[in-house]
Each structure stands twice: as C-alpha cells, then as structure tokens.
Amino acid sequence: MGTEADPENTELQGLPAVPEVHDPNAPEQQELPFAIVAGEAITEVPKDLYIPPDALEIFLEAFEGPLDLLLYLIKRQNIDILDINVADITDQYMNYVDLMESWQFELAAEYLVMAAMLAEIKSRLLLPRQVEEEAEEGDPRMELIRRLQEYERFKQAAHDVDELPRMDRDIHRAGAALPEIERISADPTVDLKEVLIALSSVLKRVDNFGSHHVQMETLSTREKMSEILVRISNQKFVPLVSLLIREEGRLGVVVTFLAIMELIKDSMIEIVQSESFGPIHLKSRS
C-alpha cells in the first residue's frame, strides 16, 4: 500500500535549503555557569567527577517562569527587547531546558509551551516568505516581544514596591523599657516619748465613742386612738384628765394628745368645755 504524501512536505521539497545566517557583529551569549567554586565559574562538569544519581544539586539562578528566563537571557546580551535574535535566544533557552531535564528537575508545563512557541517563531523566521505574506502576517516576534515588555513592566513595578520602606524590615518600633528605680527611704527617727503621746491620743479618742441601744416605743398613737374611741363609746362625756395615765409618764401625755388631735382632725370626736379654764371633756360626734 502506498502512503499519502503530505502536501506541506511536498511543497517544502521543492524549495531550496536556506542556510542559517549568523550575524558576526551580534553579541555572543556567555555560557551560563551552574556553580561557582572558590570564585571561579564552572560551566562544565569535570569528566572525572562522579556524581551519584540522587546527589543534591544546586542551581544558582532561580526563575519565576519562562518569561523570566527569556528576560534574563536578553539582559545578559545587553540588547533591547525589540532587537532580540530569536534563533540565539531559542538555542540558549533549549540548552537551559535540556540542562534541567538532565539534572532530573521537573519543569513546569509552561516552560515546554514557551519552548514550542520559540521553535515556531524560529521556523517562521527561517522559512522564505512572499512579500504579500510578510505584509499580512507581520513580524512573528511581535507577540513574544509584547509579552516580554508586559512582564518586564510588572517585574519592575514589583521591585519598586519591594523597595518601599517596610515595617519590621526597614523600620523598627522603639521598644526601650523604663529602668527600674529602687527607692531607698531611711527609717524615721521617732522618740519613745512621741510614741507614748500618740498612743495616749488614740486611747482618748476611743473613750469618746459610746454605743447606745435604740428601743422601739412602747406606746403607739394608733393604739391610743382606739382606746379613746372605746372609752367614749361607753361614756357620753370623758374627762381629758382621765385619759392620762401616770405610769406612762411624759411619753404617755404626748401620745394621748397626738391621738386626740388625730381624732379631732378625722371629725370623730369633739372637745367640750363649759367655762374658761374649766375641765375639758371629750365626746363622740356620731
């Protein structure tokens, strides 16, 4: 059975081979060192050096992604991003990827995607194109240049933010503690005579304080009012003098008069006196 020919391969077979053009004036990229020993950069592993498969290997340059690696390669050549040589940059990028894979480093998928993109741009630049096609497609590097310029702006902005003064890194709070002051006070010079005088004064003040017991009054105005009403209900006229009991003393006189005044105020009794300075009698108003 015959195989179906690829139209694209058929078209490429009819084209002459285009040799890769190398500009002798273009700056050459120095080979990246993977270690520095005693101040000397090491770019190749010594042939007589045995490295175990699981040995610890340290790569001095750390990149945050494929764009960071490309920007590093461009800066190493001291050229502008707009004037990058995609062929040289692609070769250096692939050397880095191969180096990482040979050291058994697991590369992120974005590194491989960028490698494919660089290979595509390199192939498009090497293939001959018609003038009309070149005018329609434009420079294949423009998308890569745009992404590099955008990444460079963000990286510079992040660097500027990181350079701002930061608390606990560039600025520290003052935390001086107050010194401890030991207060030394001398014992007072007190004479024994002064102590005795002070004690005597305290004892005198104690004697001035006395205690007394408060007793509830034995006579109640309400009870006395009830007694008077009972007496008046049994007798038509009750002499005022008969309501005063000697055993009750002065308190009894006061309570009796208060009870009479309350009854008169409530219009329950009235006072009767036949002549001036004559005896006073009480009678009910009902």
C-alpha atoms as a PDB file:
ATOM      1  CA  MET A   1       0.000   0.000   0.000  1.00  0.00           C
ATOM      2  CA  GLY A   2       1.273   3.450  -0.828  1.00  0.00           C
ATOM      3  CA  THR A   3       1.437   6.289   1.633  1.00  0.00           C
ATOM      4  CA  GLU A   4      -0.369   9.528   1.042  1.00  0.00           C
ATOM      5  CA  ALA A   5       2.069  12.397   0.566  1.00  0.00           C
ATOM      6  CA  ASP A   6       1.857  15.370   2.889  1.00  0.00           C
ATOM      7  CA  PRO A   7       1.020  18.489   0.841  1.00  0.00           C
ATOM      8  CA  GLU A   8       3.129  20.693   3.077  1.00  0.00           C
ATOM      9  CA  ASN A   9       6.167  18.371   2.815  1.00  0.00           C
ATOM     10  CA  THR A  10       5.697  18.216  -0.971  1.00  0.00           C
ATOM     11  CA  GLU A  11       5.797  21.995  -1.165  1.00  0.00           C
ATOM     12  CA  LEU A  12       8.888  22.181   1.075  1.00  0.00           C
ATOM     13  CA  GLN A  13      10.753  19.581  -1.010  1.00  0.00           C
ATOM     14  CA  GLY A  14      10.657  21.858  -3.995  1.00  0.00           C
ATOM     15  CA  LEU A  15      12.244  24.751  -2.067  1.00  0.00           C
ATOM     16  CA  PRO A  16      16.000  25.141  -1.821  1.00  0.00           C
ATOM     17  CA  ALA A  17      17.563  24.771   1.627  1.00  0.00           C
ATOM     18  CA  VAL A  18      18.005  28.128   3.359  1.00  0.00           C
ATOM     19  CA  PRO A  19      21.263  28.315   5.287  1.00  0.00           C
ATOM     20  CA  GLU A  20      21.069  29.814   8.797  1.00  0.00           C
ATOM     21  CA  VAL A  21      22.502  33.320   8.728  1.00  0.00           C
ATOM     22  CA  HIS A  22      24.688  34.281  11.699  1.00  0.00           C
ATOM     23  CA  ASP A  23      25.487  37.927  12.266  1.00  0.00           C
ATOM     24  CA  PRO A  24      29.194  38.220  13.243  1.00  0.00           C
ATOM     25  CA  ASN A  25      28.510  41.615  14.887  1.00  0.00           C
ATOM     26  CA  ALA A  26      25.826  40.239  17.191  1.00  0.00           C
ATOM     27  CA  PRO A  27      26.991  39.893  20.809  1.00  0.00           C
ATOM     28  CA  GLU A  28      27.590  36.307  21.851  1.00  0.00           C
ATOM     29  CA  GLN A  29      25.828  34.933  24.892  1.00  0.00           C
ATOM     30  CA  GLN A  30      28.165  33.615  27.533  1.00  0.00           C
ATOM     31  CA  GLU A  31      27.500  30.092  28.706  1.00  0.00           C
ATOM     32  CA  LEU A  32      25.541  30.059  31.940  1.00  0.00           C
ATOM     33  CA  PRO A  33      27.549  28.800  34.930  1.00  0.00           C
ATOM     34  CA  PHE A  34      25.810  26.193  37.038  1.00  0.00           C
ATOM     35  CA  ALA A  35      28.140  26.616  40.033  1.00  0.00           C
ATOM     36  CA  ILE A  36      30.856  28.868  41.427  1.00  0.00           C
ATOM     37  CA  VAL A  37      33.750  27.210  43.266  1.00  0.00           C
ATOM     38  CA  ALA A  38      36.376  29.365  45.007  1.00  0.00           C
ATOM     39  CA  GLY A  39      35.183  32.380  42.999  1.00  0.00           C
ATOM     40  CA  GLU A  40      35.567  30.580  39.649  1.00  0.00           C
ATOM     41  CA  ALA A  41      32.529  29.938  37.444  1.00  0.00           C
ATOM     42  CA  ILE A  42      32.032  26.298  36.479  1.00  0.00           C
ATOM     43  CA  THR A  43      30.265  25.797  33.140  1.00  0.00           C
ATOM     44  CA  GLU A  44      31.066  22.120  32.535  1.00  0.00           C
ATOM     45  CA  VAL A  45      31.017  19.123  34.796  1.00  0.00           C
ATOM     46  CA  PRO A  46      34.532  17.613  35.140  1.00  0.00           C
ATOM     47  CA  LYS A  47      34.784  14.302  33.333  1.00  0.00           C
ATOM     48  CA  ASP A  48      36.475  12.542  36.231  1.00  0.00           C
ATOM     49  CA  LEU A  49      33.869  13.759  38.753  1.00  0.00           C
ATOM     50  CA  TYR A  50      31.447  11.089  39.888  1.00  0.00           C
ATOM     51  CA  ILE A  51      28.006  12.390  40.844  1.00  0.00           C
ATOM     52  CA  PRO A  52      25.566   9.906  42.379  1.00  0.00           C
ATOM     53  CA  PRO A  53      22.152   9.857  40.699  1.00  0.00           C
ATOM     54  CA  ASP A  54      20.376  11.072  43.830  1.00  0.00           C
ATOM     55  CA  ALA A  55      23.005  13.622  44.849  1.00  0.00           C
ATOM     56  CA  LEU A  56      21.952  17.099  45.844  1.00  0.00           C
ATOM     57  CA  GLU A  57      22.462  19.588  43.023  1.00  0.00           C
ATOM     58  CA  ILE A  58      22.073  23.345  43.424  1.00  0.00           C
ATOM     59  CA  PHE A  59      21.273  25.675  40.548  1.00  0.00           C
ATOM     60  CA  LEU A  60      22.262  29.218  41.381  1.00  0.00           C
ATOM     61  CA  GLU A  61      19.845  31.044  39.090  1.00  0.00           C
ATOM     62  CA  ALA A  62      16.163  30.808  40.003  1.00  0.00           C
ATOM     63  CA  PHE A  63      13.474  31.921  37.559  1.00  0.00           C
ATOM     64  CA  GLU A  64       9.808  32.540  38.243  1.00  0.00           C
ATOM     65  CA  GLY A  65       8.717  31.297  34.840  1.00  0.00           C
ATOM     66  CA  PRO A  66       9.658  31.066  31.158  1.00  0.00           C
ATOM     67  CA  LEU A  67       9.269  34.814  30.581  1.00  0.00           C
ATOM     68  CA  ASP A  68      11.625  35.485  33.481  1.00  0.00           C
ATOM     69  CA  LEU A  69      14.183  33.133  31.932  1.00  0.00           C
ATOM     70  CA  LEU A  70      13.866  34.775  28.499  1.00  0.00           C
ATOM     71  CA  LEU A  71      14.224  38.233  30.020  1.00  0.00           C
ATOM     72  CA  TYR A  72      17.348  37.069  31.858  1.00  0.00           C
ATOM     73  CA  LEU A  73      18.879  35.728  28.632  1.00  0.00           C
ATOM     74  CA  ILE A  74      18.153  39.008  26.824  1.00  0.00           C
ATOM     75  CA  LYS A  75      19.588  41.148  29.626  1.00  0.00           C
ATOM     76  CA  ARG A  76      22.755  39.037  29.596  1.00  0.00           C
ATOM     77  CA  GLN A  77      23.351  40.128  25.994  1.00  0.00           C
ATOM     78  CA  ASN A  78      22.729  43.821  26.831  1.00  0.00           C
ATOM     79  CA  ILE A  79      20.367  44.240  23.891  1.00  0.00           C
ATOM     80  CA  ASP A  80      16.946  45.790  23.555  1.00  0.00           C
ATOM     81  CA  ILE A  81      13.899  43.554  23.607  1.00  0.00           C
ATOM     82  CA  LEU A  82      12.887  44.881  20.179  1.00  0.00           C
ATOM     83  CA  ASP A  83      16.202  43.702  18.687  1.00  0.00           C
ATOM     84  CA  ILE A  84      16.268  40.156  20.019  1.00  0.00           C
ATOM     85  CA  ASN A  85      17.755  37.385  17.923  1.00  0.00           C
ATOM     86  CA  VAL A  86      15.127  34.680  18.234  1.00  0.00           C
ATOM     87  CA  ALA A  87      17.454  31.974  16.911  1.00  0.00           C
ATOM     88  CA  ASP A  88      20.126  32.586  19.562  1.00  0.00           C
ATOM     89  CA  ILE A  89      17.587  33.050  22.344  1.00  0.00           C
ATOM     90  CA  THR A  90      15.825  29.826  21.344  1.00  0.00           C
ATOM     91  CA  ASP A  91      19.079  27.854  21.396  1.00  0.00           C
ATOM     92  CA  GLN A  92      20.009  29.206  24.831  1.00  0.00           C
ATOM     93  CA  TYR A  93      16.507  28.546  26.151  1.00  0.00           C
ATOM     94  CA  MET A  94      16.552  24.952  24.904  1.00  0.00           C
ATOM     95  CA  ASN A  95      20.003  24.431  26.431  1.00  0.00           C
ATOM     96  CA  TYR A  96      18.579  25.506  29.787  1.00  0.00           C
ATOM     97  CA  VAL A  97      15.586  23.170  29.420  1.00  0.00           C
ATOM     98  CA  ASP A  98      17.843  20.265  28.450  1.00  0.00           C
ATOM     99  CA  LEU A  99      20.113  21.033  31.398  1.00  0.00           C
ATOM    100  CA  MET A 100      17.214  20.961  33.830  1.00  0.00           C
ATOM    101  CA  GLU A 101      15.928  17.687  32.404  1.00  0.00           C
ATOM    102  CA  SER A 102      19.402  16.114  32.592  1.00  0.00           C
ATOM    103  CA  TRP A 103      19.534  17.052  36.274  1.00  0.00           C
ATOM    104  CA  GLN A 104      16.144  15.410  36.788  1.00  0.00           C
ATOM    105  CA  PHE A 105      14.406  18.682  37.627  1.00  0.00           C
ATOM    106  CA  GLU A 106      10.682  18.605  36.969  1.00  0.00           C
ATOM    107  CA  LEU A 107       9.911  21.578  34.722  1.00  0.00           C
ATOM    108  CA  ALA A 108       6.520  23.206  34.684  1.00  0.00           C
ATOM    109  CA  ALA A 109       4.408  22.755  31.581  1.00  0.00           C
ATOM    110  CA  GLU A 110       4.651  26.474  30.799  1.00  0.00           C
ATOM    111  CA  TYR A 111       8.386  26.090  30.096  1.00  0.00           C
ATOM    112  CA  LEU A 112       7.639  23.481  27.446  1.00  0.00           C
ATOM    113  CA  VAL A 113       4.861  25.627  25.958  1.00  0.00           C
ATOM    114  CA  MET A 114       7.296  28.537  25.637  1.00  0.00           C
ATOM    115  CA  ALA A 115       9.854  26.224  24.024  1.00  0.00           C
ATOM    116  CA  ALA A 116       7.288  25.229  21.395  1.00  0.00           C
ATOM    117  CA  MET A 117       6.412  28.883  20.802  1.00  0.00           C
ATOM    118  CA  LEU A 118      10.082  29.823  20.324  1.00  0.00           C
ATOM    119  CA  ALA A 119      10.592  26.921  17.919  1.00  0.00           C
ATOM    120  CA  GLU A 120       7.582  28.054  15.891  1.00  0.00           C
ATOM    121  CA  ILE A 121       8.816  31.663  15.718  1.00  0.00           C
ATOM    122  CA  LYS A 122      12.305  30.499  14.756  1.00  0.00           C
ATOM    123  CA  SER A 123      10.964  28.275  11.964  1.00  0.00           C
ATOM    124  CA  ARG A 124       8.722  31.065  10.623  1.00  0.00           C
ATOM    125  CA  LEU A 125      11.683  33.437  10.500  1.00  0.00           C
ATOM    126  CA  LEU A 126      13.910  30.934   8.713  1.00  0.00           C
ATOM    127  CA  LEU A 127      11.368  29.943   6.066  1.00  0.00           C
ATOM    128  CA  PRO A 128      11.255  32.195   2.991  1.00  0.00           C
ATOM    129  CA  ARG A 129       8.029  34.141   2.583  1.00  0.00           C
ATOM    130  CA  GLN A 130       6.466  36.137  -0.183  1.00  0.00           C
ATOM    131  CA  VAL A 131       6.201  39.895   0.196  1.00  0.00           C
ATOM    132  CA  GLU A 132       2.412  39.700   0.356  1.00  0.00           C
ATOM    133  CA  GLU A 133       2.505  37.051   3.082  1.00  0.00           C
ATOM    134  CA  GLU A 134       5.059  39.016   5.079  1.00  0.00           C
ATOM    135  CA  ALA A 135       2.884  42.132   4.912  1.00  0.00           C
ATOM    136  CA  GLU A 136      -0.201  40.216   6.065  1.00  0.00           C
ATOM    137  CA  GLU A 137       1.395  38.187   8.866  1.00  0.00           C
ATOM    138  CA  GLY A 138       3.784  40.828  10.162  1.00  0.00           C
ATOM    139  CA  ASP A 139       6.753  40.106  12.400  1.00  0.00           C
ATOM    140  CA  PRO A 140       6.342  36.721  14.133  1.00  0.00           C
ATOM    141  CA  ARG A 141       8.261  38.090  17.122  1.00  0.00           C
ATOM    142  CA  MET A 142       5.708  40.785  17.981  1.00  0.00           C
ATOM    143  CA  GLU A 143       3.552  38.615  20.284  1.00  0.00           C
ATOM    144  CA  LEU A 144       6.644  37.418  22.158  1.00  0.00           C
ATOM    145  CA  ILE A 145       8.012  40.966  22.409  1.00  0.00           C
ATOM    146  CA  ARG A 146       4.672  42.232  23.710  1.00  0.00           C
ATOM    147  CA  ARG A 147       4.568  39.592  26.434  1.00  0.00           C
ATOM    148  CA  LEU A 148       8.182  40.255  27.410  1.00  0.00           C
ATOM    149  CA  GLN A 149       7.589  44.010  27.654  1.00  0.00           C
ATOM    150  CA  GLU A 150       4.464  43.494  29.759  1.00  0.00           C
ATOM    151  CA  TYR A 151       6.268  41.068  32.066  1.00  0.00           C
ATOM    152  CA  GLU A 152       9.204  43.467  32.407  1.00  0.00           C
ATOM    153  CA  ARG A 153       6.860  46.289  33.471  1.00  0.00           C
ATOM    154  CA  PHE A 154       5.187  44.133  36.118  1.00  0.00           C
ATOM    155  CA  LYS A 155       8.529  42.855  37.370  1.00  0.00           C
ATOM    156  CA  GLN A 156       9.888  46.392  37.700  1.00  0.00           C
ATOM    157  CA  ALA A 157       6.705  47.502  39.478  1.00  0.00           C
ATOM    158  CA  ALA A 158       7.039  44.615  41.934  1.00  0.00           C
ATOM    159  CA  HIS A 159      10.675  45.566  42.518  1.00  0.00           C
ATOM    160  CA  ASP A 160       9.705  49.199  43.179  1.00  0.00           C
ATOM    161  CA  VAL A 161       7.037  48.128  45.661  1.00  0.00           C
ATOM    162  CA  ASP A 162       9.508  45.841  47.415  1.00  0.00           C
ATOM    163  CA  GLU A 163      11.962  48.743  47.766  1.00  0.00           C
ATOM    164  CA  LEU A 164       9.428  50.798  49.728  1.00  0.00           C
ATOM    165  CA  PRO A 165      10.147  51.040  53.470  1.00  0.00           C
ATOM    166  CA  ARG A 166       8.559  48.092  55.233  1.00  0.00           C
ATOM    167  CA  MET A 167       7.659  47.713  58.866  1.00  0.00           C
ATOM    168  CA  ASP A 168       9.834  45.201  60.749  1.00  0.00           C
ATOM    169  CA  ARG A 169      12.236  45.065  57.806  1.00  0.00           C
ATOM    170  CA  ASP A 170      13.449  48.634  57.270  1.00  0.00           C
ATOM    171  CA  ILE A 171      11.558  50.342  60.083  1.00  0.00           C
ATOM    172  CA  HIS A 172      11.529  49.003  63.615  1.00  0.00           C
ATOM    173  CA  ARG A 173       9.479  50.159  66.562  1.00  0.00           C
ATOM    174  CA  ALA A 174      11.361  51.557  69.505  1.00  0.00           C
ATOM    175  CA  GLY A 175      10.912  49.275  72.473  1.00  0.00           C
ATOM    176  CA  ALA A 176      13.027  50.724  75.258  1.00  0.00           C
ATOM    177  CA  ALA A 177      11.943  49.635  78.723  1.00  0.00           C
ATOM    178  CA  LEU A 178      11.901  52.038  81.636  1.00  0.00           C
ATOM    179  CA  PRO A 179      14.732  51.489  84.084  1.00  0.00           C
ATOM    180  CA  GLU A 180      13.770  50.087  87.439  1.00  0.00           C
ATOM    181  CA  ILE A 181      14.271  52.677  90.167  1.00  0.00           C
ATOM    182  CA  GLU A 182      14.844  51.332  93.636  1.00  0.00           C
ATOM    183  CA  ARG A 183      13.548  53.787  96.173  1.00  0.00           C
ATOM    184  CA  ILE A 184      15.544  53.751  99.392  1.00  0.00           C
ATOM    185  CA  SER A 185      13.819  55.507 102.292  1.00  0.00           C
ATOM    186  CA  ALA A 186      15.527  55.917 105.620  1.00  0.00           C
ATOM    187  CA  ASP A 187      13.765  54.800 108.798  1.00  0.00           C
ATOM    188  CA  PRO A 188      12.133  57.763 110.576  1.00  0.00           C
ATOM    189  CA  THR A 189      13.728  58.874 113.783  1.00  0.00           C
ATOM    190  CA  VAL A 190      10.949  58.620 116.377  1.00  0.00           C
ATOM    191  CA  ASP A 191      11.434  59.248 120.063  1.00  0.00           C
ATOM    192  CA  LEU A 192       9.789  56.909 122.596  1.00  0.00           C
ATOM    193  CA  LYS A 193       8.084  59.897 124.184  1.00  0.00           C
ATOM    194  CA  GLU A 194       6.357  60.757 120.881  1.00  0.00           C
ATOM    195  CA  VAL A 195       5.117  57.171 120.572  1.00  0.00           C
ATOM    196  CA  LEU A 196       3.571  57.292 124.066  1.00  0.00           C
ATOM    197  CA  ILE A 197       1.881  60.617 123.306  1.00  0.00           C
ATOM    198  CA  ALA A 198       0.368  59.224 120.094  1.00  0.00           C
ATOM    199  CA  LEU A 199      -0.870  56.113 121.943  1.00  0.00           C
ATOM    200  CA  SER A 200      -2.481  58.231 124.643  1.00  0.00           C
ATOM    201  CA  SER A 201      -4.256  60.339 121.999  1.00  0.00           C
ATOM    202  CA  VAL A 202      -5.663  57.225 120.349  1.00  0.00           C
ATOM    203  CA  LEU A 203      -6.954  55.852 123.651  1.00  0.00           C
ATOM    204  CA  LYS A 204      -8.701  59.139 124.421  1.00  0.00           C
ATOM    205  CA  ARG A 205     -10.497  59.065 121.067  1.00  0.00           C
ATOM    206  CA  VAL A 206     -11.664  55.528 121.776  1.00  0.00           C
ATOM    207  CA  ASP A 207     -13.223  56.618 125.067  1.00  0.00           C
ATOM    208  CA  ASN A 208     -15.194  59.363 123.300  1.00  0.00           C
ATOM    209  CA  PHE A 209     -17.082  56.821 121.197  1.00  0.00           C
ATOM    210  CA  GLY A 210     -20.036  55.237 123.020  1.00  0.00           C
ATOM    211  CA  SER A 211     -22.751  52.873 121.922  1.00  0.00           C
ATOM    212  CA  HIS A 212     -26.454  53.041 122.699  1.00  0.00           C
ATOM    213  CA  HIS A 213     -29.360  50.710 122.081  1.00  0.00           C
ATOM    214  CA  VAL A 214     -32.401  52.056 120.274  1.00  0.00           C
ATOM    215  CA  GLN A 215     -35.648  50.654 121.610  1.00  0.00           C
ATOM    216  CA  MET A 216     -38.975  50.695 119.886  1.00  0.00           C
ATOM    217  CA  GLU A 217     -41.579  52.945 121.511  1.00  0.00           C
ATOM    218  CA  THR A 218     -43.948  51.073 123.770  1.00  0.00           C
ATOM    219  CA  LEU A 219     -46.848  53.458 123.100  1.00  0.00           C
ATOM    220  CA  SER A 220     -48.491  53.743 119.708  1.00  0.00           C
ATOM    221  CA  THR A 221     -50.631  56.615 118.532  1.00  0.00           C
ATOM    222  CA  ARG A 222     -52.990  54.254 116.692  1.00  0.00           C
ATOM    223  CA  GLU A 223     -53.495  52.106 119.791  1.00  0.00           C
ATOM    224  CA  LYS A 224     -54.160  55.184 121.913  1.00  0.00           C
ATOM    225  CA  MET A 225     -56.779  56.392 119.385  1.00  0.00           C
ATOM    226  CA  SER A 226     -58.561  53.043 119.642  1.00  0.00           C
ATOM    227  CA  GLU A 227     -58.574  53.206 123.451  1.00  0.00           C
ATOM    228  CA  ILE A 228     -60.089  56.716 123.383  1.00  0.00           C
ATOM    229  CA  LEU A 229     -62.853  55.646 120.984  1.00  0.00           C
ATOM    230  CA  VAL A 230     -63.710  52.688 123.240  1.00  0.00           C
ATOM    231  CA  ARG A 231     -63.933  54.961 126.298  1.00  0.00           C
ATOM    232  CA  ILE A 232     -66.112  57.490 124.508  1.00  0.00           C
ATOM    233  CA  SER A 233     -68.450  54.806 123.180  1.00  0.00           C
ATOM    234  CA  ASN A 234     -69.129  53.618 126.751  1.00  0.00           C
ATOM    235  CA  GLN A 235     -69.496  57.109 128.289  1.00  0.00           C
ATOM    236  CA  LYS A 236     -71.143  60.180 126.825  1.00  0.00           C
ATOM    237  CA  PHE A 237     -68.520  62.566 128.189  1.00  0.00           C
ATOM    238  CA  VAL A 238     -64.998  61.508 129.083  1.00  0.00           C
ATOM    239  CA  PRO A 239     -62.754  63.857 131.062  1.00  0.00           C
ATOM    240  CA  LEU A 240     -59.447  64.546 129.363  1.00  0.00           C
ATOM    241  CA  VAL A 241     -57.606  64.075 132.644  1.00  0.00           C
ATOM    242  CA  SER A 242     -58.921  60.512 132.948  1.00  0.00           C
ATOM    243  CA  LEU A 243     -57.120  59.574 129.717  1.00  0.00           C
ATOM    244  CA  LEU A 244     -53.710  60.488 131.154  1.00  0.00           C
ATOM    245  CA  ILE A 245     -52.086  57.541 132.974  1.00  0.00           C
ATOM    246  CA  ARG A 246     -49.300  58.278 135.465  1.00  0.00           C
ATOM    247  CA  GLU A 247     -47.365  55.086 134.667  1.00  0.00           C
ATOM    248  CA  GLU A 248     -46.973  56.124 131.033  1.00  0.00           C
ATOM    249  CA  GLY A 249     -45.092  59.247 132.011  1.00  0.00           C
ATOM    250  CA  ARG A 250     -44.365  62.129 129.668  1.00  0.00           C
ATOM    251  CA  LEU A 251     -44.410  59.867 126.646  1.00  0.00           C
ATOM    252  CA  GLY A 252     -47.955  58.853 127.513  1.00  0.00           C
ATOM    253  CA  VAL A 253     -49.073  62.513 127.710  1.00  0.00           C
ATOM    254  CA  VAL A 254     -47.576  63.277 124.299  1.00  0.00           C
ATOM    255  CA  VAL A 255     -49.060  60.173 122.679  1.00  0.00           C
ATOM    256  CA  THR A 256     -52.502  60.874 124.207  1.00  0.00           C
ATOM    257  CA  PHE A 257     -52.574  64.449 122.897  1.00  0.00           C
ATOM    258  CA  LEU A 258     -51.460  63.278 119.438  1.00  0.00           C
ATOM    259  CA  ALA A 259     -54.228  60.675 119.406  1.00  0.00           C
ATOM    260  CA  ILE A 260     -56.842  63.290 120.420  1.00  0.00           C
ATOM    261  CA  MET A 261     -55.634  65.671 117.682  1.00  0.00           C
ATOM    262  CA  GLU A 262     -55.869  62.915 115.051  1.00  0.00           C
ATOM    263  CA  LEU A 263     -59.424  62.028 116.131  1.00  0.00           C
ATOM    264  CA  ILE A 264     -60.487  65.689 116.025  1.00  0.00           C
ATOM    265  CA  LYS A 265     -58.900  66.005 112.565  1.00  0.00           C
ATOM    266  CA  ASP A 266     -60.862  62.987 111.360  1.00  0.00           C
ATOM    267  CA  SER A 267     -64.093  64.517 112.835  1.00  0.00           C
ATOM    268  CA  MET A 268     -64.642  61.530 115.083  1.00  0.00           C
ATOM    269  CA  ILE A 269     -64.686  63.377 118.438  1.00  0.00           C
ATOM    270  CA  GLU A 270     -65.097  66.916 119.712  1.00  0.00           C
ATOM    271  CA  ILE A 271     -63.919  68.855 122.775  1.00  0.00           C
ATOM    272  CA  VAL A 272     -66.402  70.276 125.267  1.00  0.00           C
ATOM    273  CA  GLN A 273     -65.512  72.973 127.867  1.00  0.00           C
ATOM    274  CA  SER A 274     -68.327  74.653 129.832  1.00  0.00           C
ATOM    275  CA  GLU A 275     -66.290  77.646 131.067  1.00  0.00           C
ATOM    276  CA  SER A 276     -62.896  79.202 130.641  1.00  0.00           C
ATOM    277  CA  PHE A 277     -60.169  77.267 132.380  1.00  0.00           C
ATOM    278  CA  GLY A 278     -62.772  74.655 133.271  1.00  0.00           C
ATOM    279  CA  PRO A 279     -62.322  70.921 132.858  1.00  0.00           C
ATOM    280  CA  ILE A 280     -62.143  69.572 129.305  1.00  0.00           C
ATOM    281  CA  HIS A 281     -64.320  66.673 128.215  1.00  0.00           C
ATOM    282  CA  LEU A 282     -64.374  64.578 125.070  1.00  0.00           C
ATOM    283  CA  LYS A 283     -67.461  63.211 123.385  1.00  0.00           C
ATOM    284  CA  SER A 284     -68.225  61.353 120.197  1.00  0.00           C
ATOM    285  CA  ARG A 285     -69.614  63.207 117.194  1.00  0.00           C
ATOM    286  CA  SER A 286     -71.644  60.286 115.953  1.00  0.00           C
END
